[in-house]
Amino acid sequence: ETEMFGLYALSGRAVSFAGPLLLA
């Protein structure tokens, strides 16, 4: 579970730069 929620965070953050940078 923790590993998968870690991957859940990774997947979100792996592209998290896209939203703020696209907006900027």
mmCIF file of all heavy atoms, coordinates in Angstrom:
data_MODEL
# 
_entry.id   MODEL 
# 
loop_
_atom_site.group_PDB 
_atom_site.id 
_atom_site.type_symbol 
_atom_site.label_atom_id 
_atom_site.label_alt_id 
_atom_site.label_comp_id 
_atom_site.label_asym_id 
_atom_site.label_entity_id 
_atom_site.label_seq_id 
_atom_site.pdbx_PDB_ins_code 
_atom_site.Cartn_x 
_atom_site.Cartn_y 
_atom_site.Cartn_z 
_atom_site.occupancy 
_atom_site.B_iso_or_equiv 
_atom_site.pdbx_formal_charge 
_atom_site.auth_seq_id 
_atom_site.auth_comp_id 
_atom_site.auth_asym_id 
_atom_site.auth_atom_id 
_atom_site.pdbx_PDB_model_num 
ATOM 1   N N   . GLU A 1 1  ? 0.806  -1.213 0.000   1.00 0.00 ? 1  GLU A N   1 
ATOM 2   C CA  . GLU A 1 1  ? 0.000  0.000  0.000   1.00 0.00 ? 1  GLU A CA  1 
ATOM 3   C C   . GLU A 1 1  ? 0.847  1.274  0.000   1.00 0.00 ? 1  GLU A C   1 
ATOM 4   O O   . GLU A 1 1  ? 0.566  2.208  -0.755  1.00 0.00 ? 1  GLU A O   1 
ATOM 5   C CB  . GLU A 1 1  ? -0.948 0.007  1.209   1.00 0.00 ? 1  GLU A CB  1 
ATOM 6   C CG  . GLU A 1 1  ? -2.033 -1.062 1.152   1.00 0.00 ? 1  GLU A CG  1 
ATOM 7   C CD  . GLU A 1 1  ? -1.604 -2.364 1.777   1.00 0.00 ? 1  GLU A CD  1 
ATOM 8   O OE1 . GLU A 1 1  ? -0.414 -2.495 2.124   1.00 0.00 ? 1  GLU A OE1 1 
ATOM 9   O OE2 . GLU A 1 1  ? -2.456 -3.268 1.926   1.00 0.00 ? 1  GLU A OE2 1 
ATOM 10  N N   . THR A 1 2  ? 1.868  1.334  0.869   1.00 0.00 ? 2  THR A N   1 
ATOM 11  C CA  . THR A 1 2  ? 2.657  2.567  0.953   1.00 0.00 ? 2  THR A CA  1 
ATOM 12  C C   . THR A 1 2  ? 3.458  2.786  -0.317  1.00 0.00 ? 2  THR A C   1 
ATOM 13  O O   . THR A 1 2  ? 3.590  3.911  -0.805  1.00 0.00 ? 2  THR A O   1 
ATOM 14  C CB  . THR A 1 2  ? 3.603  2.523  2.164   1.00 0.00 ? 2  THR A CB  1 
ATOM 15  O OG1 . THR A 1 2  ? 2.908  2.006  3.306   1.00 0.00 ? 2  THR A OG1 1 
ATOM 16  C CG2 . THR A 1 2  ? 4.115  3.920  2.497   1.00 0.00 ? 2  THR A CG2 1 
ATOM 17  N N   . GLU A 1 3  ? 3.997  1.693  -0.867  1.00 0.00 ? 3  GLU A N   1 
ATOM 18  C CA  . GLU A 1 3  ? 4.727  1.810  -2.127  1.00 0.00 ? 3  GLU A CA  1 
ATOM 19  C C   . GLU A 1 3  ? 3.807  2.315  -3.229  1.00 0.00 ? 3  GLU A C   1 
ATOM 20  O O   . GLU A 1 3  ? 4.193  3.174  -4.032  1.00 0.00 ? 3  GLU A O   1 
ATOM 21  C CB  . GLU A 1 3  ? 5.319  0.458  -2.520  1.00 0.00 ? 3  GLU A CB  1 
ATOM 22  C CG  . GLU A 1 3  ? 6.085  0.484  -3.842  1.00 0.00 ? 3  GLU A CG  1 
ATOM 23  C CD  . GLU A 1 3  ? 6.645  -0.873 -4.236  1.00 0.00 ? 3  GLU A CD  1 
ATOM 24  O OE1 . GLU A 1 3  ? 6.675  -1.775 -3.386  1.00 0.00 ? 3  GLU A OE1 1 
ATOM 25  O OE2 . GLU A 1 3  ? 7.048  -1.020 -5.409  1.00 0.00 ? 3  GLU A OE2 1 
ATOM 26  N N   . MET A 1 4  ? 2.577  1.780  -3.273  1.00 0.00 ? 4  MET A N   1 
ATOM 27  C CA  . MET A 1 4  ? 1.644  2.188  -4.313  1.00 0.00 ? 4  MET A CA  1 
ATOM 28  C C   . MET A 1 4  ? 1.197  3.641  -4.128  1.00 0.00 ? 4  MET A C   1 
ATOM 29  O O   . MET A 1 4  ? 1.052  4.387  -5.100  1.00 0.00 ? 4  MET A O   1 
ATOM 30  C CB  . MET A 1 4  ? 0.424  1.258  -4.340  1.00 0.00 ? 4  MET A CB  1 
ATOM 31  C CG  . MET A 1 4  ? 0.733  -0.106 -4.915  1.00 0.00 ? 4  MET A CG  1 
ATOM 32  S SD  . MET A 1 4  ? 1.251  0.036  -6.657  1.00 0.00 ? 4  MET A SD  1 
ATOM 33  C CE  . MET A 1 4  ? 2.179  -1.486 -6.868  1.00 0.00 ? 4  MET A CE  1 
ATOM 34  N N   . PHE A 1 5  ? 0.984  4.049  -2.869  1.00 0.00 ? 5  PHE A N   1 
ATOM 35  C CA  . PHE A 1 5  ? 0.655  5.447  -2.649  1.00 0.00 ? 5  PHE A CA  1 
ATOM 36  C C   . PHE A 1 5  ? 1.859  6.340  -2.920  1.00 0.00 ? 5  PHE A C   1 
ATOM 37  O O   . PHE A 1 5  ? 1.716  7.518  -3.279  1.00 0.00 ? 5  PHE A O   1 
ATOM 38  C CB  . PHE A 1 5  ? 0.115  5.675  -1.234  1.00 0.00 ? 5  PHE A CB  1 
ATOM 39  C CG  . PHE A 1 5  ? -1.384 5.517  -1.140  1.00 0.00 ? 5  PHE A CG  1 
ATOM 40  C CD1 . PHE A 1 5  ? -1.949 4.377  -0.595  1.00 0.00 ? 5  PHE A CD1 1 
ATOM 41  C CD2 . PHE A 1 5  ? -2.224 6.502  -1.631  1.00 0.00 ? 5  PHE A CD2 1 
ATOM 42  C CE1 . PHE A 1 5  ? -3.327 4.220  -0.517  1.00 0.00 ? 5  PHE A CE1 1 
ATOM 43  C CE2 . PHE A 1 5  ? -3.608 6.356  -1.567  1.00 0.00 ? 5  PHE A CE2 1 
ATOM 44  C CZ  . PHE A 1 5  ? -4.166 5.212  -1.008  1.00 0.00 ? 5  PHE A CZ  1 
ATOM 45  N N   . GLY A 1 6  ? 3.070  5.779  -2.767  1.00 0.00 ? 6  GLY A N   1 
ATOM 46  C CA  . GLY A 1 6  ? 4.256  6.509  -3.177  1.00 0.00 ? 6  GLY A CA  1 
ATOM 47  C C   . GLY A 1 6  ? 4.285  6.696  -4.675  1.00 0.00 ? 6  GLY A C   1 
ATOM 48  O O   . GLY A 1 6  ? 4.612  7.777  -5.184  1.00 0.00 ? 6  GLY A O   1 
ATOM 49  N N   . LEU A 1 7  ? 3.931  5.632  -5.413  1.00 0.00 ? 7  LEU A N   1 
ATOM 50  C CA  . LEU A 1 7  ? 3.838  5.748  -6.871  1.00 0.00 ? 7  LEU A CA  1 
ATOM 51  C C   . LEU A 1 7  ? 2.698  6.679  -7.276  1.00 0.00 ? 7  LEU A C   1 
ATOM 52  O O   . LEU A 1 7  ? 2.778  7.374  -8.293  1.00 0.00 ? 7  LEU A O   1 
ATOM 53  C CB  . LEU A 1 7  ? 3.641  4.363  -7.496  1.00 0.00 ? 7  LEU A CB  1 
ATOM 54  C CG  . LEU A 1 7  ? 4.840  3.414  -7.396  1.00 0.00 ? 7  LEU A CG  1 
ATOM 55  C CD1 . LEU A 1 7  ? 4.455  2.016  -7.875  1.00 0.00 ? 7  LEU A CD1 1 
ATOM 56  C CD2 . LEU A 1 7  ? 6.009  3.950  -8.215  1.00 0.00 ? 7  LEU A CD2 1 
ATOM 57  N N   . TYR A 1 8  ? 1.634  6.682  -6.469  1.00 0.00 ? 8  TYR A N   1 
ATOM 58  C CA  . TYR A 1 8  ? 0.519  7.603  -6.696  1.00 0.00 ? 8  TYR A CA  1 
ATOM 59  C C   . TYR A 1 8  ? 1.005  9.047  -6.594  1.00 0.00 ? 8  TYR A C   1 
ATOM 60  O O   . TYR A 1 8  ? 0.666  9.898  -7.428  1.00 0.00 ? 8  TYR A O   1 
ATOM 61  C CB  . TYR A 1 8  ? -0.566 7.312  -5.657  1.00 0.00 ? 8  TYR A CB  1 
ATOM 62  C CG  . TYR A 1 8  ? -1.861 8.072  -5.803  1.00 0.00 ? 8  TYR A CG  1 
ATOM 63  C CD1 . TYR A 1 8  ? -2.638 7.953  -6.958  1.00 0.00 ? 8  TYR A CD1 1 
ATOM 64  C CD2 . TYR A 1 8  ? -2.342 8.877  -4.766  1.00 0.00 ? 8  TYR A CD2 1 
ATOM 65  C CE1 . TYR A 1 8  ? -3.849 8.625  -7.075  1.00 0.00 ? 8  TYR A CE1 1 
ATOM 66  C CE2 . TYR A 1 8  ? -3.553 9.539  -4.875  1.00 0.00 ? 8  TYR A CE2 1 
ATOM 67  C CZ  . TYR A 1 8  ? -4.300 9.414  -6.031  1.00 0.00 ? 8  TYR A CZ  1 
ATOM 68  O OH  . TYR A 1 8  ? -5.501 10.075 -6.143  1.00 0.00 ? 8  TYR A OH  1 
ATOM 69  N N   . ALA A 1 9  ? 1.833  9.295  -5.554  1.00 0.00 ? 9  ALA A N   1 
ATOM 70  C CA  . ALA A 1 9  ? 2.415  10.631 -5.422  1.00 0.00 ? 9  ALA A CA  1 
ATOM 71  C C   . ALA A 1 9  ? 3.396  10.909 -6.547  1.00 0.00 ? 9  ALA A C   1 
ATOM 72  O O   . ALA A 1 9  ? 3.444  12.017 -7.093  1.00 0.00 ? 9  ALA A O   1 
ATOM 73  C CB  . ALA A 1 9  ? 3.110  10.764 -4.063  1.00 0.00 ? 9  ALA A CB  1 
ATOM 74  N N   . LEU A 1 10 ? 4.199  9.902  -6.903  1.00 0.00 ? 10 LEU A N   1 
ATOM 75  C CA  . LEU A 1 10 ? 5.170  10.078 -7.991  1.00 0.00 ? 10 LEU A CA  1 
ATOM 76  C C   . LEU A 1 10 ? 4.464  10.428 -9.288  1.00 0.00 ? 10 LEU A C   1 
ATOM 77  O O   . LEU A 1 10 ? 4.864  11.347 -9.998  1.00 0.00 ? 10 LEU A O   1 
ATOM 78  C CB  . LEU A 1 10 ? 6.006  8.812  -8.168  1.00 0.00 ? 10 LEU A CB  1 
ATOM 79  C CG  . LEU A 1 10 ? 7.070  8.838  -9.281  1.00 0.00 ? 10 LEU A CG  1 
ATOM 80  C CD1 . LEU A 1 10 ? 8.234  7.919  -8.917  1.00 0.00 ? 10 LEU A CD1 1 
ATOM 81  C CD2 . LEU A 1 10 ? 6.507  8.402  -10.636 1.00 0.00 ? 10 LEU A CD2 1 
ATOM 82  N N   . SER A 1 11 ? 3.427  9.666  -9.617  1.00 0.00 ? 11 SER A N   1 
ATOM 83  C CA  . SER A 1 11 ? 2.734  9.906  -10.887 1.00 0.00 ? 11 SER A CA  1 
ATOM 84  C C   . SER A 1 11 ? 2.146  11.300 -10.927 1.00 0.00 ? 11 SER A C   1 
ATOM 85  O O   . SER A 1 11 ? 2.172  11.976 -11.965 1.00 0.00 ? 11 SER A O   1 
ATOM 86  C CB  . SER A 1 11 ? 1.631  8.855  -11.094 1.00 0.00 ? 11 SER A CB  1 
ATOM 87  O OG  . SER A 1 11 ? 0.626  8.973  -10.097 1.00 0.00 ? 11 SER A OG  1 
ATOM 88  N N   . GLY A 1 12 ? 1.610  11.743 -9.770  1.00 0.00 ? 12 GLY A N   1 
ATOM 89  C CA  . GLY A 1 12 ? 1.068  13.094 -9.738  1.00 0.00 ? 12 GLY A CA  1 
ATOM 90  C C   . GLY A 1 12 ? 2.153  14.139 -9.855  1.00 0.00 ? 12 GLY A C   1 
ATOM 91  O O   . GLY A 1 12 ? 2.029  15.113 -10.594 1.00 0.00 ? 12 GLY A O   1 
ATOM 92  N N   . ARG A 1 13 ? 3.252  13.905 -9.145  1.00 0.00 ? 13 ARG A N   1 
ATOM 93  C CA  . ARG A 1 13 ? 4.322  14.888 -9.142  1.00 0.00 ? 13 ARG A CA  1 
ATOM 94  C C   . ARG A 1 13 ? 5.217  14.784 -10.369 1.00 0.00 ? 13 ARG A C   1 
ATOM 95  O O   . ARG A 1 13 ? 5.902  15.736 -10.717 1.00 0.00 ? 13 ARG A O   1 
ATOM 96  C CB  . ARG A 1 13 ? 5.154  14.728 -7.861  1.00 0.00 ? 13 ARG A CB  1 
ATOM 97  C CG  . ARG A 1 13 ? 4.406  15.170 -6.612  1.00 0.00 ? 13 ARG A CG  1 
ATOM 98  C CD  . ARG A 1 13 ? 3.870  16.571 -6.781  1.00 0.00 ? 13 ARG A CD  1 
ATOM 99  N NE  . ARG A 1 13 ? 3.101  17.023 -5.640  1.00 0.00 ? 13 ARG A NE  1 
ATOM 100 C CZ  . ARG A 1 13 ? 2.526  18.206 -5.552  1.00 0.00 ? 13 ARG A CZ  1 
ATOM 101 N NH1 . ARG A 1 13 ? 2.629  19.061 -6.566  1.00 0.00 ? 13 ARG A NH1 1 
ATOM 102 N NH2 . ARG A 1 13 ? 1.841  18.559 -4.490  1.00 0.00 ? 13 ARG A NH2 1 
ATOM 103 N N   . ALA A 1 14 ? 5.234  13.631 -11.005 1.00 0.00 ? 14 ALA A N   1 
ATOM 104 C CA  . ALA A 1 14 ? 6.051  13.495 -12.209 1.00 0.00 ? 14 ALA A CA  1 
ATOM 105 C C   . ALA A 1 14 ? 5.588  14.442 -13.302 1.00 0.00 ? 14 ALA A C   1 
ATOM 106 O O   . ALA A 1 14 ? 6.378  14.876 -14.143 1.00 0.00 ? 14 ALA A O   1 
ATOM 107 C CB  . ALA A 1 14 ? 6.016  12.055 -12.722 1.00 0.00 ? 14 ALA A CB  1 
ATOM 108 N N   . VAL A 1 15 ? 4.302  14.751 -13.274 1.00 0.00 ? 15 VAL A N   1 
ATOM 109 C CA  . VAL A 1 15 ? 3.777  15.712 -14.254 1.00 0.00 ? 15 VAL A CA  1 
ATOM 110 C C   . VAL A 1 15 ? 3.359  17.017 -13.586 1.00 0.00 ? 15 VAL A C   1 
ATOM 111 O O   . VAL A 1 15 ? 2.829  17.907 -14.247 1.00 0.00 ? 15 VAL A O   1 
ATOM 112 C CB  . VAL A 1 15 ? 2.574  15.118 -15.026 1.00 0.00 ? 15 VAL A CB  1 
ATOM 113 C CG1 . VAL A 1 15 ? 2.970  13.867 -15.765 1.00 0.00 ? 15 VAL A CG1 1 
ATOM 114 C CG2 . VAL A 1 15 ? 1.400  14.837 -14.088 1.00 0.00 ? 15 VAL A CG2 1 
ATOM 115 N N   . SER A 1 16 ? 3.616  17.130 -12.253 1.00 0.00 ? 16 SER A N   1 
ATOM 116 C CA  . SER A 1 16 ? 3.118  18.303 -11.534 1.00 0.00 ? 16 SER A CA  1 
ATOM 117 C C   . SER A 1 16 ? 3.770  19.595 -11.986 1.00 0.00 ? 16 SER A C   1 
ATOM 118 O O   . SER A 1 16 ? 3.212  20.676 -11.804 1.00 0.00 ? 16 SER A O   1 
ATOM 119 C CB  . SER A 1 16 ? 3.339  18.128 -10.023 1.00 0.00 ? 16 SER A CB  1 
ATOM 120 O OG  . SER A 1 16 ? 4.719  18.097 -9.724  1.00 0.00 ? 16 SER A OG  1 
ATOM 121 N N   . PHE A 1 17 ? 4.961  19.471 -12.564 1.00 0.00 ? 17 PHE A N   1 
ATOM 122 C CA  . PHE A 1 17 ? 5.597  20.672 -13.089 1.00 0.00 ? 17 PHE A CA  1 
ATOM 123 C C   . PHE A 1 17 ? 4.845  21.206 -14.312 1.00 0.00 ? 17 PHE A C   1 
ATOM 124 O O   . PHE A 1 17 ? 4.925  22.382 -14.635 1.00 0.00 ? 17 PHE A O   1 
ATOM 125 C CB  . PHE A 1 17 ? 7.047  20.367 -13.488 1.00 0.00 ? 17 PHE A CB  1 
ATOM 126 C CG  . PHE A 1 17 ? 7.168  19.416 -14.649 1.00 0.00 ? 17 PHE A CG  1 
ATOM 127 C CD1 . PHE A 1 17 ? 7.238  19.884 -15.938 1.00 0.00 ? 17 PHE A CD1 1 
ATOM 128 C CD2 . PHE A 1 17 ? 7.207  18.046 -14.433 1.00 0.00 ? 17 PHE A CD2 1 
ATOM 129 C CE1 . PHE A 1 17 ? 7.342  19.014 -17.015 1.00 0.00 ? 17 PHE A CE1 1 
ATOM 130 C CE2 . PHE A 1 17 ? 7.308  17.170 -15.500 1.00 0.00 ? 17 PHE A CE2 1 
ATOM 131 C CZ  . PHE A 1 17 ? 7.376  17.650 -16.792 1.00 0.00 ? 17 PHE A CZ  1 
ATOM 132 N N   . ALA A 1 18 ? 4.098  20.296 -14.984 1.00 0.00 ? 18 ALA A N   1 
ATOM 133 C CA  . ALA A 1 18 ? 3.444  20.679 -16.237 1.00 0.00 ? 18 ALA A CA  1 
ATOM 134 C C   . ALA A 1 18 ? 2.375  21.748 -16.001 1.00 0.00 ? 18 ALA A C   1 
ATOM 135 O O   . ALA A 1 18 ? 2.331  22.763 -16.703 1.00 0.00 ? 18 ALA A O   1 
ATOM 136 C CB  . ALA A 1 18 ? 2.834  19.454 -16.900 1.00 0.00 ? 18 ALA A CB  1 
ATOM 137 N N   . GLY A 1 19 ? 1.504  21.509 -15.011 1.00 0.00 ? 19 GLY A N   1 
ATOM 138 C CA  . GLY A 1 19 ? 0.434  22.464 -14.760 1.00 0.00 ? 19 GLY A CA  1 
ATOM 139 C C   . GLY A 1 19 ? 0.937  23.851 -14.413 1.00 0.00 ? 19 GLY A C   1 
ATOM 140 O O   . GLY A 1 19 ? 0.589  24.832 -15.078 1.00 0.00 ? 19 GLY A O   1 
ATOM 141 N N   . PRO A 1 20 ? 1.770  23.984 -13.352 1.00 0.00 ? 20 PRO A N   1 
ATOM 142 C CA  . PRO A 1 20 ? 2.285  25.319 -13.018 1.00 0.00 ? 20 PRO A CA  1 
ATOM 143 C C   . PRO A 1 20 ? 3.106  25.958 -14.135 1.00 0.00 ? 20 PRO A C   1 
ATOM 144 O O   . PRO A 1 20 ? 3.000  27.164 -14.378 1.00 0.00 ? 20 PRO A O   1 
ATOM 145 C CB  . PRO A 1 20 ? 3.154  25.054 -11.779 1.00 0.00 ? 20 PRO A CB  1 
ATOM 146 C CG  . PRO A 1 20 ? 2.569  23.826 -11.168 1.00 0.00 ? 20 PRO A CG  1 
ATOM 147 C CD  . PRO A 1 20 ? 2.117  22.991 -12.330 1.00 0.00 ? 20 PRO A CD  1 
ATOM 148 N N   . LEU A 1 21 ? 3.940  25.159 -14.826 1.00 0.00 ? 21 LEU A N   1 
ATOM 149 C CA  . LEU A 1 21 ? 4.761  25.736 -15.883 1.00 0.00 ? 21 LEU A CA  1 
ATOM 150 C C   . LEU A 1 21 ? 3.921  26.134 -17.101 1.00 0.00 ? 21 LEU A C   1 
ATOM 151 O O   . LEU A 1 21 ? 4.169  27.173 -17.717 1.00 0.00 ? 21 LEU A O   1 
ATOM 152 C CB  . LEU A 1 21 ? 5.868  24.755 -16.293 1.00 0.00 ? 21 LEU A CB  1 
ATOM 153 C CG  . LEU A 1 21 ? 7.012  24.590 -15.300 1.00 0.00 ? 21 LEU A CG  1 
ATOM 154 C CD1 . LEU A 1 21 ? 8.073  23.664 -15.858 1.00 0.00 ? 21 LEU A CD1 1 
ATOM 155 C CD2 . LEU A 1 21 ? 7.633  25.934 -14.939 1.00 0.00 ? 21 LEU A CD2 1 
ATOM 156 N N   . LEU A 1 22 ? 2.925  25.295 -17.433 1.00 0.00 ? 22 LEU A N   1 
ATOM 157 C CA  . LEU A 1 22 ? 2.017  25.668 -18.522 1.00 0.00 ? 22 LEU A CA  1 
ATOM 158 C C   . LEU A 1 22 ? 1.268  26.952 -18.176 1.00 0.00 ? 22 LEU A C   1 
ATOM 159 O O   . LEU A 1 22 ? 1.118  27.849 -19.013 1.00 0.00 ? 22 LEU A O   1 
ATOM 160 C CB  . LEU A 1 22 ? 1.019  24.540 -18.797 1.00 0.00 ? 22 LEU A CB  1 
ATOM 161 C CG  . LEU A 1 22 ? 1.492  23.394 -19.688 1.00 0.00 ? 22 LEU A CG  1 
ATOM 162 C CD1 . LEU A 1 22 ? 0.440  22.294 -19.709 1.00 0.00 ? 22 LEU A CD1 1 
ATOM 163 C CD2 . LEU A 1 22 ? 1.780  23.888 -21.099 1.00 0.00 ? 22 LEU A CD2 1 
ATOM 164 N N   . LEU A 1 23 ? 0.806  27.025 -16.927 1.00 0.00 ? 23 LEU A N   1 
ATOM 165 C CA  . LEU A 1 23 ? 0.091  28.222 -16.497 1.00 0.00 ? 23 LEU A CA  1 
ATOM 166 C C   . LEU A 1 23 ? 1.014  29.440 -16.528 1.00 0.00 ? 23 LEU A C   1 
ATOM 167 O O   . LEU A 1 23 ? 0.624  30.516 -17.003 1.00 0.00 ? 23 LEU A O   1 
ATOM 168 C CB  . LEU A 1 23 ? -0.477 28.005 -15.097 1.00 0.00 ? 23 LEU A CB  1 
ATOM 169 C CG  . LEU A 1 23 ? -1.335 29.132 -14.532 1.00 0.00 ? 23 LEU A CG  1 
ATOM 170 C CD1 . LEU A 1 23 ? -2.466 28.569 -13.683 1.00 0.00 ? 23 LEU A CD1 1 
ATOM 171 C CD2 . LEU A 1 23 ? -0.506 30.108 -13.694 1.00 0.00 ? 23 LEU A CD2 1 
ATOM 172 N N   . ALA A 1 24 ? 2.246  29.266 -16.032 1.00 0.00 ? 24 ALA A N   1 
ATOM 173 C CA  . ALA A 1 24 ? 3.193  30.382 -16.025 1.00 0.00 ? 24 ALA A CA  1 
ATOM 174 C C   . ALA A 1 24 ? 3.524  30.815 -17.452 1.00 0.00 ? 24 ALA A C   1 
ATOM 175 O O   . ALA A 1 24 ? 3.576  32.019 -17.753 1.00 0.00 ? 24 ALA A O   1 
ATOM 176 C CB  . ALA A 1 24 ? 4.469  29.973 -15.288 1.00 0.00 ? 24 ALA A CB  1 
# 
